[in-house]
Amino acid sequence: MEQRVAISGPEVILEGRFQAGRGVGGVVVAHPHPLYGGSMDNNVVWTVRQAFGARGASTLRFNFRGVGGSTGTYGQGEGEVEDLRAALEYLVQHASAPYLVVGYSFGAAVAAQAFLRGLGGADAVLIAPPIALMRLDFLSQVPSLAGIVVGEWDDFCPLAALYGLMAGRPVPVPIAVVPQADHFFGGREEALFRLLRDFPLPGWPEASPRPEAAH
């Protein structure tokens, strides 16, 4: 069962939910845009938590500054990088390695920036990075990128544009496509759950599919 936790960050206290896993590994999940209703209760964030919980990993979802019970105000994407750093530090203190950061939409952009600026000790999986809405031309340079997940019909992360952007990366990154899904994955949560549950990750045990559902 998830526990309510408070995560201390630079000048903020972040509201979070942590669940200890039955196996190895820890995952922190970053939510979509705070100014458009994004929070740790988002359907994709919840699906990520469920998928990695099914793998036996410990999970931590949290609200960026100014969202829900988190103090502070929207940080223009800059403050949120520090929030993510604080959340990963909390995860490392409470879960065993390996560690993974999974960011969705705005959360994917924040995660990409954090890793570009030296966030270490974890790998990243980006879900639907909003390349059509935010300047993410640096995406191919992000270190420790273990994979990208995108919906087939995502207008905010068009497949052709994403493939073109990532073509310049010396070592290819797996790009997994959820069929018939748009940017919000409405009605496609089960497909996303299964993809993430079985997604191959460097240093992680092979996934063991279990009957847990995404809802």
Protein backbone atom coordinates (compact mmCIF):
# COMPACT_ATOMS: atom_id res chain seq x y z
CA MET A 1 0.00 0.00 0.00
CA GLU A 2 1.24 3.49 -0.81
CA GLN A 3 2.38 5.72 2.03
CA ARG A 4 1.98 9.48 2.12
CA VAL A 5 5.43 11.06 2.22
CA ALA A 6 6.92 14.55 2.38
CA ILE A 7 9.96 15.21 0.21
CA SER A 8 12.24 18.10 1.17
CA GLY A 9 13.46 20.12 -1.81
CA PRO A 10 15.07 23.54 -2.25
CA GLU A 11 12.63 25.90 -0.50
CA VAL A 12 9.70 23.50 -1.00
CA ILE A 13 8.11 20.45 0.57
CA LEU A 14 6.71 18.06 -2.01
CA GLU A 15 3.72 15.81 -1.51
CA GLY A 16 4.37 12.23 -2.57
CA ARG A 17 3.16 8.64 -2.45
CA PHE A 18 5.73 5.89 -1.91
CA GLN A 19 5.22 2.16 -2.11
CA ALA A 20 7.94 -0.29 -1.15
CA GLY A 21 8.43 -3.06 -3.67
CA ARG A 22 8.74 -6.78 -3.15
CA GLY A 23 11.86 -6.96 -5.32
CA VAL A 24 14.70 -4.78 -6.53
CA GLY A 25 14.58 -1.45 -8.27
CA GLY A 26 12.99 1.92 -7.66
CA VAL A 27 11.03 4.24 -9.95
CA VAL A 28 10.14 7.90 -9.55
CA VAL A 29 7.34 9.23 -11.78
CA ALA A 30 7.06 12.85 -12.96
CA HIS A 31 3.62 14.15 -13.93
CA PRO A 32 2.33 16.33 -16.81
CA HIS A 33 2.02 20.11 -16.90
CA PRO A 34 0.91 21.72 -13.62
CA LEU A 35 -0.83 24.62 -15.39
CA TYR A 36 -3.07 22.24 -17.34
CA GLY A 37 -4.27 20.06 -14.49
CA GLY A 38 -1.27 17.74 -14.32
CA SER A 39 -0.67 15.98 -11.02
CA MET A 40 0.52 12.70 -9.57
CA ASP A 41 -3.08 11.45 -9.87
CA ASN A 42 -2.93 11.56 -13.67
CA ASN A 43 -4.01 8.37 -15.45
CA VAL A 44 -0.60 7.82 -17.08
CA VAL A 45 1.29 8.43 -13.84
CA TRP A 46 -0.95 5.91 -12.11
CA THR A 47 -0.44 3.39 -14.91
CA VAL A 48 3.34 3.76 -14.64
CA ARG A 49 3.12 3.17 -10.90
CA GLN A 50 1.02 0.07 -11.42
CA ALA A 51 3.26 -1.34 -14.16
CA PHE A 52 6.46 -1.04 -12.18
CA GLY A 53 4.76 -2.18 -9.02
CA ALA A 54 3.84 -5.32 -10.96
CA ARG A 55 7.55 -5.76 -11.67
CA GLY A 56 8.27 -5.71 -7.94
CA ALA A 57 9.87 -2.26 -7.94
CA SER A 58 9.42 0.42 -5.32
CA THR A 59 7.54 3.42 -6.72
CA LEU A 60 7.39 7.11 -5.89
CA ARG A 61 4.96 9.52 -7.51
CA PHE A 62 4.92 13.13 -6.36
CA ASN A 63 3.44 16.54 -7.07
CA PHE A 64 5.65 19.26 -8.46
CA ARG A 65 5.81 22.51 -6.49
CA GLY A 66 2.49 24.33 -6.27
CA VAL A 67 0.42 21.24 -7.10
CA GLY A 68 -1.86 19.54 -4.57
CA GLY A 69 -0.20 19.48 -1.16
CA SER A 70 3.22 20.56 -2.45
CA THR A 71 4.35 24.01 -1.35
CA GLY A 72 5.69 26.72 -3.61
CA THR A 73 4.52 27.90 -7.02
CA TYR A 74 5.04 26.84 -10.63
CA GLY A 75 8.74 27.06 -11.43
CA GLN A 76 8.68 27.53 -15.22
CA GLY A 77 10.25 24.09 -15.63
CA GLU A 78 13.39 25.21 -13.79
CA GLY A 79 12.16 24.68 -10.25
CA GLU A 80 10.64 21.40 -11.33
CA VAL A 81 14.09 20.08 -12.30
CA GLU A 82 15.12 20.59 -8.69
CA ASP A 83 11.91 18.93 -7.51
CA LEU A 84 12.75 15.85 -9.57
CA ARG A 85 16.27 15.81 -8.17
CA ALA A 86 14.87 15.87 -4.62
CA ALA A 87 12.40 13.09 -5.44
CA LEU A 88 15.16 10.86 -6.81
CA GLU A 89 17.27 11.49 -3.70
CA TYR A 90 14.32 10.40 -1.58
CA LEU A 91 13.87 7.26 -3.67
CA VAL A 92 17.54 6.33 -3.35
CA GLN A 93 17.25 6.59 0.44
CA HIS A 94 14.23 4.31 0.58
CA ALA A 95 14.62 1.76 -2.23
CA SER A 96 17.27 -0.49 -3.68
CA ALA A 97 19.01 -0.02 -7.01
CA PRO A 98 18.67 0.11 -9.96
CA TYR A 99 16.80 3.40 -10.22
CA LEU A 100 14.63 4.78 -12.98
CA VAL A 101 13.02 8.14 -13.67
CA VAL A 102 9.86 7.99 -15.77
CA GLY A 103 8.53 11.32 -16.97
CA TYR A 104 5.28 11.85 -18.85
CA SER A 105 4.67 14.84 -21.17
CA PHE A 106 5.86 17.93 -19.23
CA GLY A 107 7.39 15.49 -16.75
CA ALA A 108 9.36 13.94 -19.63
CA ALA A 109 10.68 17.37 -20.59
CA VAL A 110 11.69 18.05 -16.99
CA ALA A 111 13.40 14.67 -16.74
CA ALA A 112 15.28 15.26 -20.01
CA GLN A 113 16.52 18.63 -18.74
CA ALA A 114 17.53 17.13 -15.39
CA PHE A 115 19.61 14.39 -17.00
CA LEU A 116 21.16 16.84 -19.46
CA ARG A 117 22.22 18.93 -16.45
CA GLY A 118 23.94 16.05 -14.73
CA LEU A 119 21.31 14.14 -12.81
CA GLY A 120 22.89 10.75 -12.29
CA GLY A 121 22.47 7.43 -10.57
CA ALA A 122 19.44 6.45 -12.64
CA ASP A 123 18.21 5.81 -16.15
CA ALA A 124 15.29 7.58 -17.80
CA VAL A 125 12.23 6.53 -19.74
CA LEU A 126 10.33 9.37 -21.38
CA ILE A 127 6.64 8.99 -22.17
CA ALA A 128 5.23 11.30 -24.86
CA PRO A 129 7.87 14.05 -24.66
CA PRO A 130 5.97 17.09 -26.03
CA ILE A 131 8.38 17.98 -28.85
CA ALA A 132 5.68 19.90 -30.75
CA LEU A 133 4.95 22.16 -27.76
CA MET A 134 8.27 22.62 -25.97
CA ARG A 135 11.81 23.15 -27.19
CA LEU A 136 13.31 19.67 -26.91
CA ASP A 137 15.80 19.71 -29.75
CA PHE A 138 18.42 18.49 -27.27
CA LEU A 139 16.59 15.19 -26.76
CA SER A 140 19.11 13.11 -28.71
CA GLN A 141 21.85 14.32 -26.35
CA VAL A 142 20.18 13.24 -23.10
CA PRO A 143 22.41 10.73 -21.27
CA SER A 144 21.20 7.55 -19.57
CA LEU A 145 18.10 7.43 -21.76
CA ALA A 146 16.76 3.88 -21.67
CA GLY A 147 13.73 4.37 -23.88
CA ILE A 148 10.90 6.53 -25.19
CA VAL A 149 7.25 5.54 -25.22
CA VAL A 150 4.77 7.33 -27.46
CA GLY A 151 1.22 6.94 -28.70
CA GLU A 152 0.69 6.15 -32.36
CA TRP A 153 -1.63 9.15 -32.77
CA ASP A 154 0.18 11.65 -30.53
CA ASP A 155 -0.10 15.13 -32.10
CA PHE A 156 2.20 16.62 -29.45
CA CYS A 157 4.92 14.03 -30.07
CA PRO A 158 4.52 13.12 -33.75
CA LEU A 159 6.26 9.86 -34.56
CA ALA A 160 8.00 11.10 -37.72
CA ALA A 161 9.37 14.14 -35.88
CA LEU A 162 10.49 12.02 -32.95
CA TYR A 163 12.32 9.54 -35.17
CA GLY A 164 13.98 12.41 -37.00
CA LEU A 165 15.05 14.06 -33.77
CA MET A 166 16.52 10.87 -32.35
CA ALA A 167 18.27 9.87 -35.57
CA GLY A 168 21.29 11.93 -34.57
CA ARG A 169 21.96 9.87 -31.45
CA PRO A 170 25.14 7.77 -31.78
CA VAL A 171 23.64 4.86 -29.83
CA PRO A 172 19.98 4.28 -30.76
CA VAL A 173 17.35 4.48 -28.05
CA PRO A 174 14.38 2.09 -28.14
CA ILE A 175 11.18 3.87 -29.16
CA ALA A 176 8.07 1.89 -28.21
CA VAL A 177 4.74 2.82 -29.80
CA VAL A 178 1.36 2.22 -28.17
CA PRO A 179 -1.09 1.53 -31.02
CA GLN A 180 -4.18 3.74 -31.35
CA ALA A 181 -3.12 5.97 -28.45
CA ASP A 182 -2.99 9.76 -28.47
CA HIS A 183 -0.99 12.00 -26.15
CA PHE A 184 -3.29 11.30 -23.20
CA PHE A 185 -3.54 7.49 -23.53
CA GLY A 186 -7.26 7.61 -22.70
CA GLY A 187 -8.69 4.13 -23.03
CA ARG A 188 -5.22 2.74 -23.78
CA GLU A 189 -3.97 2.48 -20.22
CA GLU A 190 -3.98 -1.32 -20.29
CA ALA A 191 -1.77 -1.38 -23.39
CA LEU A 192 0.60 1.12 -21.78
CA PHE A 193 0.63 -0.93 -18.57
CA ARG A 194 1.65 -4.10 -20.41
CA LEU A 195 4.31 -2.33 -22.44
CA LEU A 196 5.95 -0.80 -19.35
CA ARG A 197 5.62 -3.98 -17.30
CA ASP A 198 7.56 -5.90 -19.96
CA PHE A 199 9.90 -3.10 -21.14
CA PRO A 200 13.55 -4.29 -21.18
CA LEU A 201 15.77 -2.08 -19.04
CA PRO A 202 19.55 -2.18 -18.59
CA GLY A 203 20.52 -3.65 -15.21
CA TRP A 204 16.97 -4.68 -14.33
CA PRO A 205 15.82 -8.26 -13.86
CA GLU A 206 13.78 -9.62 -16.72
CA ALA A 207 10.16 -8.67 -16.27
CA SER A 208 7.89 -11.35 -14.86
CA PRO A 209 4.35 -10.67 -16.12
CA ARG A 210 1.74 -10.95 -13.39
CA PRO A 211 -2.03 -10.60 -13.44
CA GLU A 212 -2.14 -7.12 -11.91
CA ALA A 213 -4.21 -4.77 -14.02
CA ALA A 214 -3.68 -1.10 -14.83
CA HIS A 215 -6.83 -0.07 -13.03
